[in-house]
Amino acid sequence: MKGRKQKRIAALSGTLAVLASVGLWLAPGASADSDSRLGGCGFLGRKICGHGGVNGNNQRVYACDTYENGEGFLTRYWTIDGRSGYVGDSNGAIDPCGEVWPGGYISKYQVCRNTKPWICRPEVDL
C-alpha cells in the first residue's frame, strides 16, 4: 500500500512539474520597463544623443532625440513572432518622443543615432 501511494505522489509531482514548465515557456517575457541611452554627441562626445526602449508590458517602443544636431534618433525592435521595425524621433530635444505599439510583445530592441550608417548600442534582449 505504501509503495502505491509513493508512486502516485511521484507521478503527480512529475505532472505538476511538466505543467509548470509548459506554462513558463508559453508565457511572455517579464514585463519590466527597459531604457537604453546612447552618448557621443556634443563637444568631445560628452552629451547623450538620445534614449529609447520598451515599456507598456513589453508592447510599446519609443525613441527620444535629446540632442538637437539634425541627426535624429531611432529605436529598432523585434517582436516575439518575428516581425521587426523601428520608430524614430527627428525633432531634436523637442517633445514629444516617437512611439509605436507594434501589436505584439517585443523580444529585443536597439537604440541608434540616425546617421549613415546608423550608430547603435548593442541589442537589448528582453
Protein backbone atom coordinates (compact mmCIF):
# COMPACT_ATOMS: atom_id res chain seq x y z
CA MET A 1 0.00 0.00 0.00
CA LYS A 2 2.79 2.39 0.91
CA GLY A 3 4.59 1.79 -2.41
CA ARG A 4 1.48 2.59 -4.48
CA LYS A 5 0.93 5.88 -2.61
CA GLN A 6 4.56 6.90 -3.20
CA LYS A 7 4.22 6.12 -6.92
CA ARG A 8 1.07 8.27 -7.16
CA ILE A 9 2.78 11.16 -5.39
CA ALA A 10 5.79 10.85 -7.68
CA ALA A 11 3.56 10.77 -10.78
CA LEU A 12 1.60 13.78 -9.56
CA SER A 13 4.80 15.70 -8.82
CA GLY A 14 6.13 14.94 -12.29
CA THR A 15 2.89 16.05 -13.93
CA LEU A 16 2.85 19.31 -11.96
CA ALA A 17 6.47 19.99 -12.91
CA VAL A 18 5.71 19.48 -16.61
CA LEU A 19 2.63 21.74 -16.46
CA ALA A 20 4.57 24.46 -14.66
CA SER A 21 7.42 24.38 -17.21
CA VAL A 22 4.99 24.49 -20.15
CA GLY A 23 3.23 27.46 -18.56
CA LEU A 24 6.53 29.30 -18.18
CA TRP A 25 7.52 28.51 -21.76
CA LEU A 26 4.24 29.85 -23.18
CA ALA A 27 4.12 32.99 -21.02
CA PRO A 28 5.54 36.22 -22.48
CA GLY A 29 8.79 37.54 -21.05
CA ALA A 30 8.99 39.65 -17.96
CA SER A 31 7.31 42.98 -18.44
CA ALA A 32 9.88 45.23 -16.83
CA ASP A 33 10.44 48.61 -18.49
CA SER A 34 13.77 48.90 -20.28
CA ASP A 35 15.57 52.06 -21.40
CA SER A 36 18.91 52.46 -23.16
CA ARG A 37 20.91 55.67 -23.71
CA LEU A 38 23.35 56.46 -26.49
CA GLY A 39 26.06 59.07 -26.00
CA GLY A 40 28.68 60.57 -28.25
CA CYS A 41 27.09 63.93 -29.10
CA GLY A 42 28.29 67.46 -28.41
CA PHE A 43 31.74 68.80 -27.64
CA LEU A 44 34.14 65.86 -27.25
CA GLY A 45 31.17 63.48 -27.45
CA ARG A 46 30.17 64.01 -23.83
CA LYS A 47 26.42 64.55 -24.34
CA ILE A 48 23.65 61.98 -24.53
CA CYS A 49 22.25 61.89 -28.10
CA GLY A 50 19.04 60.19 -27.09
CA HIS A 51 17.41 57.24 -25.46
CA GLY A 52 14.81 54.66 -26.29
CA GLY A 53 13.34 51.48 -25.05
CA VAL A 54 10.32 49.38 -24.34
CA ASN A 55 7.52 49.71 -21.78
CA GLY A 56 3.77 49.14 -21.60
CA ASN A 57 4.04 45.43 -20.75
CA ASN A 58 6.70 44.98 -23.49
CA GLN A 59 4.31 46.26 -26.16
CA ARG A 60 5.28 49.95 -26.62
CA VAL A 61 8.54 51.06 -28.26
CA TYR A 62 9.78 54.65 -28.01
CA ALA A 63 12.66 56.83 -29.22
CA CYS A 64 13.66 60.22 -27.78
CA ASP A 65 16.14 62.51 -29.50
CA THR A 66 17.68 64.62 -26.74
CA TYR A 67 20.40 66.50 -28.65
CA GLU A 68 19.45 68.92 -31.40
CA ASN A 69 22.07 68.21 -34.05
CA GLY A 70 19.90 67.40 -37.07
CA GLU A 71 20.59 63.65 -36.96
CA GLY A 72 17.51 62.28 -35.24
CA PHE A 73 17.28 59.17 -33.12
CA LEU A 74 15.57 55.81 -33.51
CA THR A 75 14.78 52.57 -31.75
CA ARG A 76 14.76 49.31 -33.71
CA TYR A 77 12.63 46.47 -32.36
CA TRP A 78 11.87 42.80 -32.91
CA THR A 79 8.66 41.06 -31.79
CA ILE A 80 8.40 37.52 -30.45
CA ASP A 81 6.56 36.46 -33.61
CA GLY A 82 9.46 37.53 -35.87
CA ARG A 83 8.38 40.97 -37.08
CA SER A 84 10.71 43.97 -36.91
CA GLY A 85 10.64 47.70 -37.44
CA TYR A 86 11.72 50.98 -35.92
CA VAL A 87 10.34 54.20 -34.52
CA GLY A 88 12.12 57.50 -34.91
CA ASP A 89 12.27 60.92 -33.31
CA SER A 90 13.70 63.61 -35.57
CA ASN A 91 12.61 66.80 -33.79
CA GLY A 92 15.70 67.24 -31.64
CA ALA A 93 15.18 67.84 -27.96
CA ILE A 94 11.57 68.96 -28.50
CA ASP A 95 8.67 66.88 -27.15
CA PRO A 96 7.06 64.56 -27.99
CA CYS A 97 9.19 61.46 -28.44
CA GLY A 98 8.35 58.95 -31.15
CA GLU A 99 6.38 55.87 -30.15
CA VAL A 100 4.76 52.82 -31.71
CA TRP A 101 2.63 49.93 -30.46
CA PRO A 102 3.52 47.19 -32.98
CA GLY A 103 0.75 44.84 -31.86
CA GLY A 104 2.71 42.13 -30.08
CA TYR A 105 5.31 41.50 -27.43
CA ILE A 106 8.77 42.95 -28.03
CA SER A 107 11.62 40.44 -27.66
CA LYS A 108 14.56 42.83 -28.18
CA TYR A 109 15.40 46.38 -29.18
CA GLN A 110 18.34 48.59 -30.13
CA VAL A 111 18.80 52.37 -29.95
CA CYS A 112 20.61 54.22 -32.75
CA ARG A 113 21.62 57.66 -33.95
CA ASN A 114 20.05 58.26 -37.34
CA THR A 115 23.32 58.73 -39.21
CA LYS A 116 24.55 56.98 -42.37
CA PRO A 117 25.39 54.30 -41.35
CA TRP A 118 23.45 54.14 -38.10
CA ILE A 119 25.49 54.34 -34.91
CA CYS A 120 23.90 51.92 -32.43
CA ARG A 121 24.28 50.43 -28.99
CA PRO A 122 24.16 46.64 -28.72
CA GLU A 123 20.75 44.96 -28.90
CA VAL A 124 18.89 44.53 -25.60
CA ASP A 125 17.15 41.17 -25.10
CA LEU A 126 14.01 41.29 -23.02
